[in-house]
Full PDB file with SEQRES, HELIX, SHEET, SSBOND, CRYST1, ORIGX, SCALE, CONECT and MASTER records, all heavy atoms in Angstrom:
SEQRES   1 A   36  ARG GLU ARG LEU LYS LYS MET ARG GLU GLU ASP ILE VAL          
SEQRES   2 A   36  PHE SER ASP TRP ALA LEU TRP LEU PRO TYR VAL LYS ASP          
SEQRES   3 A   36  GLU MET GLU ARG LEU GLY VAL SER PHE ARG                      
HELIX    1 AA1 GLU A    2  LYS A    5  1                                   4    
HELIX    2 AA2 ALA A   18  TRP A   20  5                                   3    
HELIX    3 AA3 LEU A   21  LEU A   31  1                                  11    
CRYST1    1.000    1.000    1.000  90.00  90.00  90.00 P 1           1          
ORIGX1      1.000000  0.000000  0.000000        0.00000                         
ORIGX2      0.000000  1.000000  0.000000        0.00000                         
ORIGX3      0.000000  0.000000  1.000000        0.00000                         
SCALE1      1.000000  0.000000  0.000000        0.00000                         
SCALE2      0.000000  1.000000  0.000000        0.00000                         
SCALE3      0.000000  0.000000  1.000000        0.00000                         
ATOM      1  N   ARG A   1    -109.106 -25.786 127.520  1.00  0.00           N  
ATOM      2  CA  ARG A   1    -109.187 -27.135 128.161  1.00  0.00           C  
ATOM      3  C   ARG A   1    -109.656 -27.012 129.575  1.00  0.00           C  
ATOM      4  O   ARG A   1    -110.479 -27.832 130.065  1.00  0.00           O  
ATOM      5  CB  ARG A   1    -107.813 -27.782 128.062  1.00  0.00           C  
ATOM      6  CG  ARG A   1    -107.753 -29.256 128.393  1.00  0.00           C  
ATOM      7  CD  ARG A   1    -106.479 -29.847 127.974  1.00  0.00           C  
ATOM      8  NE  ARG A   1    -106.322 -29.975 126.542  1.00  0.00           N  
ATOM      9  CZ  ARG A   1    -105.187 -29.888 125.904  1.00  0.00           C  
ATOM     10  NH1 ARG A   1    -104.037 -29.626 126.517  1.00  0.00           N  
ATOM     11  NH2 ARG A   1    -105.135 -30.047 124.614  1.00  0.00           N  
ATOM     12  N   GLU A   2    -109.168 -26.003 130.346  1.00  0.00           N  
ATOM     13  CA  GLU A   2    -109.588 -25.871 131.761  1.00  0.00           C  
ATOM     14  C   GLU A   2    -111.094 -25.506 131.799  1.00  0.00           C  
ATOM     15  O   GLU A   2    -111.791 -25.949 132.720  1.00  0.00           O  
ATOM     16  CB  GLU A   2    -108.786 -24.744 132.382  1.00  0.00           C  
ATOM     17  CG  GLU A   2    -107.297 -25.141 132.652  1.00  0.00           C  
ATOM     18  CD  GLU A   2    -106.485 -25.298 131.400  1.00  0.00           C  
ATOM     19  OE1 GLU A   2    -106.793 -24.634 130.416  1.00  0.00           O  
ATOM     20  OE2 GLU A   2    -105.507 -26.103 131.455  1.00  0.00           O  
ATOM     21  N   ARG A   3    -111.563 -24.789 130.869  1.00  0.00           N  
ATOM     22  CA  ARG A   3    -112.997 -24.427 130.855  1.00  0.00           C  
ATOM     23  C   ARG A   3    -113.841 -25.662 130.550  1.00  0.00           C  
ATOM     24  O   ARG A   3    -114.902 -25.823 131.145  1.00  0.00           O  
ATOM     25  CB  ARG A   3    -113.247 -23.319 129.815  1.00  0.00           C  
ATOM     26  CG  ARG A   3    -112.639 -21.956 130.264  1.00  0.00           C  
ATOM     27  CD  ARG A   3    -112.652 -21.030 129.089  1.00  0.00           C  
ATOM     28  NE  ARG A   3    -112.355 -19.634 129.530  1.00  0.00           N  
ATOM     29  CZ  ARG A   3    -111.079 -19.193 129.672  1.00  0.00           C  
ATOM     30  NH1 ARG A   3    -110.067 -20.048 129.492  1.00  0.00           N  
ATOM     31  NH2 ARG A   3    -110.852 -17.953 130.033  1.00  0.00           N  
ATOM     32  N   LEU A   4    -113.369 -26.493 129.608  1.00  0.00           N  
ATOM     33  CA  LEU A   4    -114.141 -27.697 129.215  1.00  0.00           C  
ATOM     34  C   LEU A   4    -114.251 -28.645 130.366  1.00  0.00           C  
ATOM     35  O   LEU A   4    -115.269 -29.378 130.488  1.00  0.00           O  
ATOM     36  CB  LEU A   4    -113.510 -28.359 128.021  1.00  0.00           C  
ATOM     37  CG  LEU A   4    -113.500 -27.536 126.697  1.00  0.00           C  
ATOM     38  CD1 LEU A   4    -112.931 -28.383 125.570  1.00  0.00           C  
ATOM     39  CD2 LEU A   4    -114.932 -27.102 126.336  1.00  0.00           C  
ATOM     40  N   LYS A   5    -113.272 -28.688 131.246  1.00  0.00           N  
ATOM     41  CA  LYS A   5    -113.275 -29.624 132.377  1.00  0.00           C  
ATOM     42  C   LYS A   5    -114.474 -29.326 133.336  1.00  0.00           C  
ATOM     43  O   LYS A   5    -114.921 -30.195 134.062  1.00  0.00           O  
ATOM     44  CB  LYS A   5    -111.978 -29.513 133.152  1.00  0.00           C  
ATOM     45  CG  LYS A   5    -110.778 -30.116 132.433  1.00  0.00           C  
ATOM     46  CD  LYS A   5    -109.530 -29.939 133.331  1.00  0.00           C  
ATOM     47  CE  LYS A   5    -108.294 -30.459 132.616  1.00  0.00           C  
ATOM     48  NZ  LYS A   5    -107.048 -30.244 133.393  1.00  0.00           N  
ATOM     49  N   LYS A   6    -114.956 -28.073 133.312  1.00  0.00           N  
ATOM     50  CA  LYS A   6    -116.027 -27.662 134.171  1.00  0.00           C  
ATOM     51  C   LYS A   6    -117.375 -27.886 133.584  1.00  0.00           C  
ATOM     52  O   LYS A   6    -118.384 -27.708 134.308  1.00  0.00           O  
ATOM     53  CB  LYS A   6    -115.845 -26.207 134.544  1.00  0.00           C  
ATOM     54  CG  LYS A   6    -114.516 -25.845 135.167  1.00  0.00           C  
ATOM     55  CD  LYS A   6    -114.458 -24.316 135.362  1.00  0.00           C  
ATOM     56  CE  LYS A   6    -113.092 -23.927 135.993  1.00  0.00           C  
ATOM     57  NZ  LYS A   6    -112.986 -22.447 136.138  1.00  0.00           N  
ATOM     58  N   MET A   7    -117.461 -28.313 132.331  1.00  0.00           N  
ATOM     59  CA  MET A   7    -118.724 -28.423 131.680  1.00  0.00           C  
ATOM     60  C   MET A   7    -119.453 -29.722 132.123  1.00  0.00           C  
ATOM     61  O   MET A   7    -118.804 -30.743 132.430  1.00  0.00           O  
ATOM     62  CB  MET A   7    -118.522 -28.497 130.153  1.00  0.00           C  
ATOM     63  CG  MET A   7    -117.765 -27.272 129.567  1.00  0.00           C  
ATOM     64  SD  MET A   7    -118.678 -25.700 129.750  1.00  0.00           S  
ATOM     65  CE  MET A   7    -119.844 -25.864 128.429  1.00  0.00           C  
ATOM     66  N   ARG A   8    -120.774 -29.671 132.208  1.00  0.00           N  
ATOM     67  CA  ARG A   8    -121.589 -30.802 132.538  1.00  0.00           C  
ATOM     68  C   ARG A   8    -122.482 -31.217 131.361  1.00  0.00           C  
ATOM     69  O   ARG A   8    -122.520 -30.595 130.321  1.00  0.00           O  
ATOM     70  CB  ARG A   8    -122.400 -30.474 133.814  1.00  0.00           C  
ATOM     71  CG  ARG A   8    -121.571 -30.198 134.989  1.00  0.00           C  
ATOM     72  CD  ARG A   8    -120.783 -31.445 135.434  1.00  0.00           C  
ATOM     73  NE  ARG A   8    -119.896 -31.126 136.583  1.00  0.00           N  
ATOM     74  CZ  ARG A   8    -118.619 -30.852 136.525  1.00  0.00           C  
ATOM     75  NH1 ARG A   8    -118.041 -30.781 135.277  1.00  0.00           N  
ATOM     76  NH2 ARG A   8    -117.909 -30.609 137.620  1.00  0.00           N  
ATOM     77  N   GLU A   9    -123.326 -32.247 131.612  1.00  0.00           N  
ATOM     78  CA  GLU A   9    -124.075 -32.929 130.518  1.00  0.00           C  
ATOM     79  C   GLU A   9    -124.945 -31.934 129.711  1.00  0.00           C  
ATOM     80  O   GLU A   9    -125.003 -32.014 128.487  1.00  0.00           O  
ATOM     81  CB  GLU A   9    -124.944 -34.029 131.146  1.00  0.00           C  
ATOM     82  CG  GLU A   9    -125.720 -34.832 130.057  1.00  0.00           C  
ATOM     83  CD  GLU A   9    -124.799 -35.771 129.361  1.00  0.00           C  
ATOM     84  OE1 GLU A   9    -123.797 -36.217 129.879  1.00  0.00           O  
ATOM     85  OE2 GLU A   9    -125.092 -36.066 128.197  1.00  0.00           O  
ATOM     86  N   GLU A  10    -125.666 -30.995 130.384  1.00  0.00           N  
ATOM     87  CA  GLU A  10    -126.546 -30.106 129.634  1.00  0.00           C  
ATOM     88  C   GLU A  10    -125.901 -28.745 129.387  1.00  0.00           C  
ATOM     89  O   GLU A  10    -126.613 -27.865 128.898  1.00  0.00           O  
ATOM     90  CB  GLU A  10    -127.888 -29.980 130.414  1.00  0.00           C  
ATOM     91  CG  GLU A  10    -128.723 -31.253 130.403  1.00  0.00           C  
ATOM     92  CD  GLU A  10    -130.149 -31.022 130.861  1.00  0.00           C  
ATOM     93  OE1 GLU A  10    -130.546 -29.833 131.002  1.00  0.00           O  
ATOM     94  OE2 GLU A  10    -130.825 -32.012 131.075  1.00  0.00           O  
ATOM     95  N   ASP A  11    -124.662 -28.528 129.721  1.00  0.00           N  
ATOM     96  CA  ASP A  11    -123.986 -27.324 129.403  1.00  0.00           C  
ATOM     97  C   ASP A  11    -123.707 -27.316 127.857  1.00  0.00           C  
ATOM     98  O   ASP A  11    -123.763 -28.358 127.240  1.00  0.00           O  
ATOM     99  CB  ASP A  11    -122.696 -27.150 130.181  1.00  0.00           C  
ATOM    100  CG  ASP A  11    -122.965 -26.922 131.688  1.00  0.00           C  
ATOM    101  OD1 ASP A  11    -124.070 -26.485 132.004  1.00  0.00           O  
ATOM    102  OD2 ASP A  11    -122.087 -27.190 132.495  1.00  0.00           O  
ATOM    103  N   ILE A  12    -123.404 -26.118 127.355  1.00  0.00           N  
ATOM    104  CA  ILE A  12    -123.326 -25.941 125.931  1.00  0.00           C  
ATOM    105  C   ILE A  12    -122.010 -25.318 125.482  1.00  0.00           C  
ATOM    106  O   ILE A  12    -121.534 -24.288 126.077  1.00  0.00           O  
ATOM    107  CB  ILE A  12    -124.467 -25.086 125.421  1.00  0.00           C  
ATOM    108  CG1 ILE A  12    -125.821 -25.632 125.815  1.00  0.00           C  
ATOM    109  CG2 ILE A  12    -124.384 -24.802 123.940  1.00  0.00           C  
ATOM    110  CD1 ILE A  12    -126.945 -24.690 125.689  1.00  0.00           C  
ATOM    111  N   VAL A  13    -121.404 -25.843 124.412  1.00  0.00           N  
ATOM    112  CA  VAL A  13    -120.359 -25.149 123.732  1.00  0.00           C  
ATOM    113  C   VAL A  13    -120.853 -24.828 122.331  1.00  0.00           C  
ATOM    114  O   VAL A  13    -121.254 -25.712 121.569  1.00  0.00           O  
ATOM    115  CB  VAL A  13    -119.055 -26.028 123.597  1.00  0.00           C  
ATOM    116  CG1 VAL A  13    -118.033 -25.329 122.690  1.00  0.00           C  
ATOM    117  CG2 VAL A  13    -118.457 -26.294 124.957  1.00  0.00           C  
ATOM    118  N   PHE A  14    -120.913 -23.529 122.086  1.00  0.00           N  
ATOM    119  CA  PHE A  14    -121.432 -23.043 120.784  1.00  0.00           C  
ATOM    120  C   PHE A  14    -120.262 -22.520 120.009  1.00  0.00           C  
ATOM    121  O   PHE A  14    -119.670 -21.536 120.397  1.00  0.00           O  
ATOM    122  CB  PHE A  14    -122.492 -21.923 120.967  1.00  0.00           C  
ATOM    123  CG  PHE A  14    -123.111 -21.449 119.717  1.00  0.00           C  
ATOM    124  CD1 PHE A  14    -124.041 -22.295 118.997  1.00  0.00           C  
ATOM    125  CD2 PHE A  14    -122.777 -20.251 119.152  1.00  0.00           C  
ATOM    126  CE1 PHE A  14    -124.641 -21.862 117.816  1.00  0.00           C  
ATOM    127  CE2 PHE A  14    -123.371 -19.812 117.962  1.00  0.00           C  
ATOM    128  CZ  PHE A  14    -124.234 -20.592 117.272  1.00  0.00           C  
ATOM    129  N   SER A  15    -119.923 -23.162 118.859  1.00  0.00           N  
ATOM    130  CA  SER A  15    -118.748 -22.814 118.088  1.00  0.00           C  
ATOM    131  C   SER A  15    -119.187 -22.036 116.836  1.00  0.00           C  
ATOM    132  O   SER A  15    -119.967 -22.581 116.047  1.00  0.00           O  
ATOM    133  CB  SER A  15    -117.983 -24.115 117.669  1.00  0.00           C  
ATOM    134  OG  SER A  15    -116.917 -23.774 116.757  1.00  0.00           O  
ATOM    135  N   ASP A  16    -118.691 -20.857 116.704  1.00  0.00           N  
ATOM    136  CA  ASP A  16    -119.100 -20.027 115.563  1.00  0.00           C  
ATOM    137  C   ASP A  16    -118.728 -20.672 114.245  1.00  0.00           C  
ATOM    138  O   ASP A  16    -119.414 -20.526 113.200  1.00  0.00           O  
ATOM    139  CB  ASP A  16    -118.472 -18.639 115.655  1.00  0.00           C  
ATOM    140  CG  ASP A  16    -119.203 -17.637 114.847  1.00  0.00           C  
ATOM    141  OD1 ASP A  16    -119.098 -17.631 113.615  1.00  0.00           O  
ATOM    142  OD2 ASP A  16    -119.948 -16.764 115.415  1.00  0.00           O  
ATOM    143  N   TRP A  17    -117.605 -21.355 114.178  1.00  0.00           N  
ATOM    144  CA  TRP A  17    -117.219 -22.084 112.997  1.00  0.00           C  
ATOM    145  C   TRP A  17    -117.386 -23.556 113.179  1.00  0.00           C  
ATOM    146  O   TRP A  17    -116.902 -24.157 114.160  1.00  0.00           O  
ATOM    147  CB  TRP A  17    -115.731 -21.798 112.651  1.00  0.00           C  
ATOM    148  CG  TRP A  17    -115.476 -20.467 112.100  1.00  0.00           C  
ATOM    149  CD1 TRP A  17    -116.337 -19.389 111.989  1.00  0.00           C  
ATOM    150  CD2 TRP A  17    -114.262 -20.027 111.494  1.00  0.00           C  
ATOM    151  NE1 TRP A  17    -115.737 -18.328 111.447  1.00  0.00           N  
ATOM    152  CE2 TRP A  17    -114.481 -18.661 111.092  1.00  0.00           C  
ATOM    153  CE3 TRP A  17    -113.005 -20.578 111.314  1.00  0.00           C  
ATOM    154  CZ2 TRP A  17    -113.476 -17.921 110.451  1.00  0.00           C  
ATOM    155  CZ3 TRP A  17    -112.009 -19.860 110.647  1.00  0.00           C  
ATOM    156  CH2 TRP A  17    -112.246 -18.534 110.271  1.00  0.00           C  
ATOM    157  N   ALA A  18    -118.204 -24.210 112.350  1.00  0.00           N  
ATOM    158  CA  ALA A  18    -118.417 -25.636 112.428  1.00  0.00           C  
ATOM    159  C   ALA A  18    -117.112 -26.431 112.322  1.00  0.00           C  
ATOM    160  O   ALA A  18    -117.007 -27.513 112.810  1.00  0.00           O  
ATOM    161  CB  ALA A  18    -119.417 -26.071 111.332  1.00  0.00           C  
ATOM    162  N   LEU A  19    -116.134 -25.864 111.662  1.00  0.00           N  
ATOM    163  CA  LEU A  19    -114.851 -26.517 111.490  1.00  0.00           C  
ATOM    164  C   LEU A  19    -114.173 -26.768 112.838  1.00  0.00           C  
ATOM    165  O   LEU A  19    -113.337 -27.697 112.924  1.00  0.00           O  
ATOM    166  CB  LEU A  19    -113.880 -25.642 110.684  1.00  0.00           C  
ATOM    167  CG  LEU A  19    -114.183 -25.494 109.178  1.00  0.00           C  
ATOM    168  CD1 LEU A  19    -113.350 -24.362 108.546  1.00  0.00           C  
ATOM    169  CD2 LEU A  19    -113.888 -26.781 108.470  1.00  0.00           C  
ATOM    170  N   TRP A  20    -114.510 -26.032 113.890  1.00  0.00           N  
ATOM    171  CA  TRP A  20    -113.925 -26.240 115.176  1.00  0.00           C  
ATOM    172  C   TRP A  20    -114.621 -27.346 116.002  1.00  0.00           C  
ATOM    173  O   TRP A  20    -113.997 -27.866 116.930  1.00  0.00           O  
ATOM    174  CB  TRP A  20    -113.958 -24.938 116.014  1.00  0.00           C  
ATOM    175  CG  TRP A  20    -113.074 -23.874 115.457  1.00  0.00           C  
ATOM    176  CD1 TRP A  20    -111.971 -24.018 114.695  1.00  0.00           C  
ATOM    177  CD2 TRP A  20    -113.275 -22.431 115.646  1.00  0.00           C  
ATOM    178  NE1 TRP A  20    -111.453 -22.836 114.381  1.00  0.00           N  
ATOM    179  CE2 TRP A  20    -112.234 -21.796 114.933  1.00  0.00           C  
ATOM    180  CE3 TRP A  20    -114.263 -21.712 116.247  1.00  0.00           C  
ATOM    181  CZ2 TRP A  20    -112.093 -20.476 114.867  1.00  0.00           C  
ATOM    182  CZ3 TRP A  20    -114.106 -20.286 116.215  1.00  0.00           C  
ATOM    183  CH2 TRP A  20    -113.043 -19.735 115.563  1.00  0.00           C  
ATOM    184  N   LEU A  21    -115.805 -27.731 115.620  1.00  0.00           N  
ATOM    185  CA  LEU A  21    -116.541 -28.753 116.426  1.00  0.00           C  
ATOM    186  C   LEU A  21    -115.789 -30.066 116.597  1.00  0.00           C  
ATOM    187  O   LEU A  21    -115.812 -30.656 117.691  1.00  0.00           O  
ATOM    188  CB  LEU A  21    -117.927 -29.019 115.873  1.00  0.00           C  
ATOM    189  CG  LEU A  21    -118.982 -27.908 116.122  1.00  0.00           C  
ATOM    190  CD1 LEU A  21    -120.336 -28.364 115.749  1.00  0.00           C  
ATOM    191  CD2 LEU A  21    -118.976 -27.529 117.653  1.00  0.00           C  
ATOM    192  N   PRO A  22    -115.198 -30.643 115.516  1.00  0.00           N  
ATOM    193  CA  PRO A  22    -114.470 -31.885 115.711  1.00  0.00           C  
ATOM    194  C   PRO A  22    -113.316 -31.768 116.750  1.00  0.00           C  
ATOM    195  O   PRO A  22    -113.066 -32.719 117.499  1.00  0.00           O  
ATOM    196  CB  PRO A  22    -113.939 -32.199 114.330  1.00  0.00           C  
ATOM    197  CG  PRO A  22    -114.855 -31.508 113.385  1.00  0.00           C  
ATOM    198  CD  PRO A  22    -115.281 -30.261 114.072  1.00  0.00           C  
ATOM    199  N   TYR A  23    -112.675 -30.589 116.776  1.00  0.00           N  
ATOM    200  CA  TYR A  23    -111.613 -30.432 117.775  1.00  0.00           C  
ATOM    201  C   TYR A  23    -112.206 -30.341 119.205  1.00  0.00           C  
ATOM    202  O   TYR A  23    -111.600 -30.907 120.169  1.00  0.00           O  
ATOM    203  CB  TYR A  23    -110.912 -29.066 117.477  1.00  0.00           C  
ATOM    204  CG  TYR A  23    -110.141 -29.038 116.160  1.00  0.00           C  
ATOM    205  CD1 TYR A  23    -110.679 -28.563 115.028  1.00  0.00           C  
ATOM    206  CD2 TYR A  23    -108.805 -29.487 116.121  1.00  0.00           C  
ATOM    207  CE1 TYR A  23    -110.004 -28.506 113.808  1.00  0.00           C  
ATOM    208  CE2 TYR A  23    -108.101 -29.446 114.948  1.00  0.00           C  
ATOM    209  CZ  TYR A  23    -108.738 -28.966 113.769  1.00  0.00           C  
ATOM    210  OH  TYR A  23    -108.032 -28.962 112.600  1.00  0.00           O  
ATOM    211  N   VAL A  24    -113.426 -29.682 119.324  1.00  0.00           N  
ATOM    212  CA  VAL A  24    -113.989 -29.674 120.618  1.00  0.00           C  
ATOM    213  C   VAL A  24    -114.402 -31.084 121.044  1.00  0.00           C  
ATOM    214  O   VAL A  24    -114.211 -31.486 122.219  1.00  0.00           O  
ATOM    215  CB  VAL A  24    -115.290 -28.755 120.570  1.00  0.00           C  
ATOM    216  CG1 VAL A  24    -116.037 -28.810 121.906  1.00  0.00           C  
ATOM    217  CG2 VAL A  24    -114.918 -27.291 120.212  1.00  0.00           C  
ATOM    218  N   LYS A  25    -114.893 -31.885 120.145  1.00  0.00           N  
ATOM    219  CA  LYS A  25    -115.333 -33.218 120.410  1.00  0.00           C  
ATOM    220  C   LYS A  25    -114.125 -34.067 120.890  1.00  0.00           C  
ATOM    221  O   LYS A  25    -114.167 -34.837 121.832  1.00  0.00           O  
ATOM    222  CB  LYS A  25    -115.937 -33.858 119.180  1.00  0.00           C  
ATOM    223  CG  LYS A  25    -116.509 -35.269 119.466  1.00  0.00           C  
ATOM    224  CD  LYS A  25    -116.635 -36.039 118.140  1.00  0.00           C  
ATOM    225  CE  LYS A  25    -115.312 -36.409 117.605  1.00  0.00           C  
ATOM    226  NZ  LYS A  25    -115.388 -37.376 116.541  1.00  0.00           N  
ATOM    227  N   ASP A  26    -112.976 -33.827 120.184  1.00  0.00           N  
ATOM    228  CA  ASP A  26    -111.726 -34.571 120.577  1.00  0.00           C  
ATOM    229  C   ASP A  26    -111.349 -34.254 121.986  1.00  0.00           C  
ATOM    230  O   ASP A  26    -110.884 -35.107 122.778  1.00  0.00           O  
ATOM    231  CB  ASP A  26    -110.633 -34.288 119.585  1.00  0.00           C  
ATOM    232  CG  ASP A  26    -110.881 -34.861 118.211  1.00  0.00           C  
ATOM    233  OD1 ASP A  26    -111.773 -35.798 118.069  1.00  0.00           O  
ATOM    234  OD2 ASP A  26    -110.214 -34.498 117.288  1.00  0.00           O  
ATOM    235  N   GLU A  27    -111.368 -32.954 122.322  1.00  0.00           N  
ATOM    236  CA  GLU A  27    -111.040 -32.506 123.731  1.00  0.00           C  
ATOM    237  C   GLU A  27    -111.994 -33.098 124.734  1.00  0.00           C  
ATOM    238  O   GLU A  27    -111.621 -33.456 125.828  1.00  0.00           O  
ATOM    239  CB  GLU A  27    -111.004 -30.973 123.742  1.00  0.00           C  
ATOM    240  CG  GLU A  27    -109.873 -30.363 123.051  1.00  0.00           C  
ATOM    241  CD  GLU A  27    -108.518 -30.747 123.639  1.00  0.00           C  
ATOM    242  OE1 GLU A  27    -108.414 -30.907 124.873  1.00  0.00           O  
ATOM    243  OE2 GLU A  27    -107.571 -30.885 122.848  1.00  0.00           O  
ATOM    244  N   MET A  28    -113.311 -33.109 124.322  1.00  0.00           N  
ATOM    245  CA  MET A  28    -114.269 -33.690 125.227  1.00  0.00           C  
ATOM    246  C   MET A  28    -113.968 -35.140 125.566  1.00  0.00           C  
ATOM    247  O   MET A  28    -114.012 -35.550 126.737  1.00  0.00           O  
ATOM    248  CB  MET A  28    -115.665 -33.609 124.489  1.00  0.00           C  
ATOM    249  CG  MET A  28    -116.830 -34.150 125.315  1.00  0.00           C  
ATOM    250  SD  MET A  28    -118.312 -34.347 124.285  1.00  0.00           S  
ATOM    251  CE  MET A  28    -118.528 -32.730 123.583  1.00  0.00           C  
ATOM    252  N   GLU A  29    -113.593 -35.884 124.596  1.00  0.00           N  
ATOM    253  CA  GLU A  29    -113.274 -37.333 124.810  1.00  0.00           C  
ATOM    254  C   GLU A  29    -111.989 -37.477 125.606  1.00  0.00           C  
ATOM    255  O   GLU A  29    -111.850 -38.368 126.439  1.00  0.00           O  
ATOM    256  CB  GLU A  29    -113.221 -38.009 123.448  1.00  0.00           C  
ATOM    257  CG  GLU A  29    -114.549 -38.103 122.765  1.00  0.00           C  
ATOM    258  CD  GLU A  29    -114.463 -38.675 121.341  1.00  0.00           C  
ATOM    259  OE1 GLU A  29    -113.323 -38.862 120.842  1.00  0.00           O  
ATOM    260  OE2 GLU A  29    -115.534 -39.011 120.709  1.00  0.00           O  
ATOM    261  N   ARG A  30    -111.028 -36.618 125.269  1.00  0.00           N  
ATOM    262  CA  ARG A  30    -109.742 -36.637 125.965  1.00  0.00           C  
ATOM    263  C   ARG A  30    -109.890 -36.388 127.461  1.00  0.00           C  
ATOM    264  O   ARG A  30    -109.192 -37.021 128.328  1.00  0.00           O  
ATOM    265  CB  ARG A  30    -108.763 -35.663 125.323  1.00  0.00           C  
ATOM    266  CG  ARG A  30    -107.351 -35.748 125.902  1.00  0.00           C  
ATOM    267  CD  ARG A  30    -106.393 -34.742 125.207  1.00  0.00           C  
ATOM    268  NE  ARG A  30    -106.199 -35.121 123.827  1.00  0.00           N  
ATOM    269  CZ  ARG A  30    -106.654 -34.454 122.753  1.00  0.00           C  
ATOM    270  NH1 ARG A  30    -107.394 -33.350 122.957  1.00  0.00           N  
ATOM    271  NH2 ARG A  30    -106.381 -34.858 121.487  1.00  0.00           N  
ATOM    272  N   LEU A  31    -110.815 -35.460 127.763  1.00  0.00           N  
ATOM    273  CA  LEU A  31    -110.967 -35.064 129.145  1.00  0.00           C  
ATOM    274  C   LEU A  31    -111.994 -35.931 129.887  1.00  0.00           C  
ATOM    275  O   LEU A  31    -112.121 -35.817 131.111  1.00  0.00           O  
ATOM    276  CB  LEU A  31    -111.441 -33.570 129.205  1.00  0.00           C  
ATOM    277  CG  LEU A  31    -110.412 -32.573 128.690  1.00  0.00           C  
ATOM    278  CD1 LEU A  31    -111.078 -31.207 128.589  1.00  0.00           C  
ATOM    279  CD2 LEU A  31    -109.184 -32.563 129.554  1.00  0.00           C  
ATOM    280  N   GLY A  32    -112.793 -36.765 129.177  1.00  0.00           N  
ATOM    281  CA  GLY A  32    -113.793 -37.604 129.791  1.00  0.00           C  
ATOM    282  C   GLY A  32    -115.005 -36.832 130.255  1.00  0.00           C  
ATOM    283  O   GLY A  32    -115.607 -37.204 131.249  1.00  0.00           O  
ATOM    284  N   VAL A  33    -115.357 -35.750 129.574  1.00  0.00           N  
ATOM    285  CA  VAL A  33    -116.509 -34.945 129.947  1.00  0.00           C  
ATOM    286  C   VAL A  33    -117.485 -34.978 128.842  1.00  0.00           C  
ATOM    287  O   VAL A  33    -117.235 -35.456 127.724  1.00  0.00           O  
ATOM    288  CB  VAL A  33    -116.138 -33.487 130.252  1.00  0.00           C  
ATOM    289  CG1 VAL A  33    -115.227 -33.396 131.453  1.00  0.00           C  
ATOM    290  CG2 VAL A  33    -115.476 -32.831 129.017  1.00  0.00           C  
ATOM    291  N   SER A  34    -118.749 -34.514 129.120  1.00  0.00           N  
ATOM    292  CA  SER A  34    -119.800 -34.578 128.114  1.00  0.00           C  
ATOM    293  C   SER A  34    -120.636 -33.281 128.182  1.00  0.00           C  
ATOM    294  O   SER A  34    -120.936 -32.844 129.309  1.00  0.00           O  
ATOM    295  CB  SER A  34    -120.688 -35.771 128.262  1.00  0.00           C  
ATOM    296  OG  SER A  34    -121.665 -35.866 127.282  1.00  0.00           O  
ATOM    297  N   PHE A  35    -121.025 -32.691 127.080  1.00  0.00           N  
ATOM    298  CA  PHE A  35    -121.803 -31.527 127.004  1.00  0.00           C  
ATOM    299  C   PHE A  35    -122.448 -31.461 125.658  1.00  0.00           C  
ATOM    300  O   PHE A  35    -122.219 -32.221 124.749  1.00  0.00           O  
ATOM    301  CB  PHE A  35    -121.062 -30.258 127.357  1.00  0.00           C  
ATOM    302  CG  PHE A  35    -119.687 -30.225 126.702  1.00  0.00           C  
ATOM    303  CD1 PHE A  35    -119.542 -29.802 125.363  1.00  0.00           C  
ATOM    304  CD2 PHE A  35    -118.535 -30.539 127.389  1.00  0.00           C  
ATOM    305  CE1 PHE A  35    -118.316 -29.745 124.798  1.00  0.00           C  
ATOM    306  CE2 PHE A  35    -117.288 -30.459 126.811  1.00  0.00           C  
ATOM    307  CZ  PHE A  35    -117.159 -30.083 125.505  1.00  0.00           C  
ATOM    308  N   ARG A  36    -123.277 -30.440 125.442  1.00  0.00           N  
ATOM    309  CA  ARG A  36    -124.008 -30.227 124.166  1.00  0.00           C  
ATOM    310  C   ARG A  36    -123.199 -29.300 123.242  1.00  0.00           C  
ATOM    311  O   ARG A  36    -122.508 -28.428 123.685  1.00  0.00           O  
ATOM    312  CB  ARG A  36    -125.398 -29.698 124.433  1.00  0.00           C  
ATOM    313  CG  ARG A  36    -126.252 -30.682 125.182  1.00  0.00           C  
ATOM    314  CD  ARG A  36    -127.595 -30.154 125.563  1.00  0.00           C  
ATOM    315  NE  ARG A  36    -128.415 -31.150 126.139  1.00  0.00           N  
ATOM    316  CZ  ARG A  36    -129.721 -30.974 126.508  1.00  0.00           C  
ATOM    317  NH1 ARG A  36    -130.284 -29.874 126.358  1.00  0.00           N  
ATOM    318  NH2 ARG A  36    -130.370 -32.039 127.084  1.00  0.00           N  
TER     319      ARG A  36                                                      
MASTER        0    0    0    3    0    0    0    6  318    1    0    3          
END                                                                             
């Protein structure tokens, strides 16, 4: 969560398992940040 807070619009989170992407998206919305 602390790492995601530092992400910006064109920064990237690459998840090896696609199953984790919805969780990343939920954290993104909870923190009010945006990235690729």
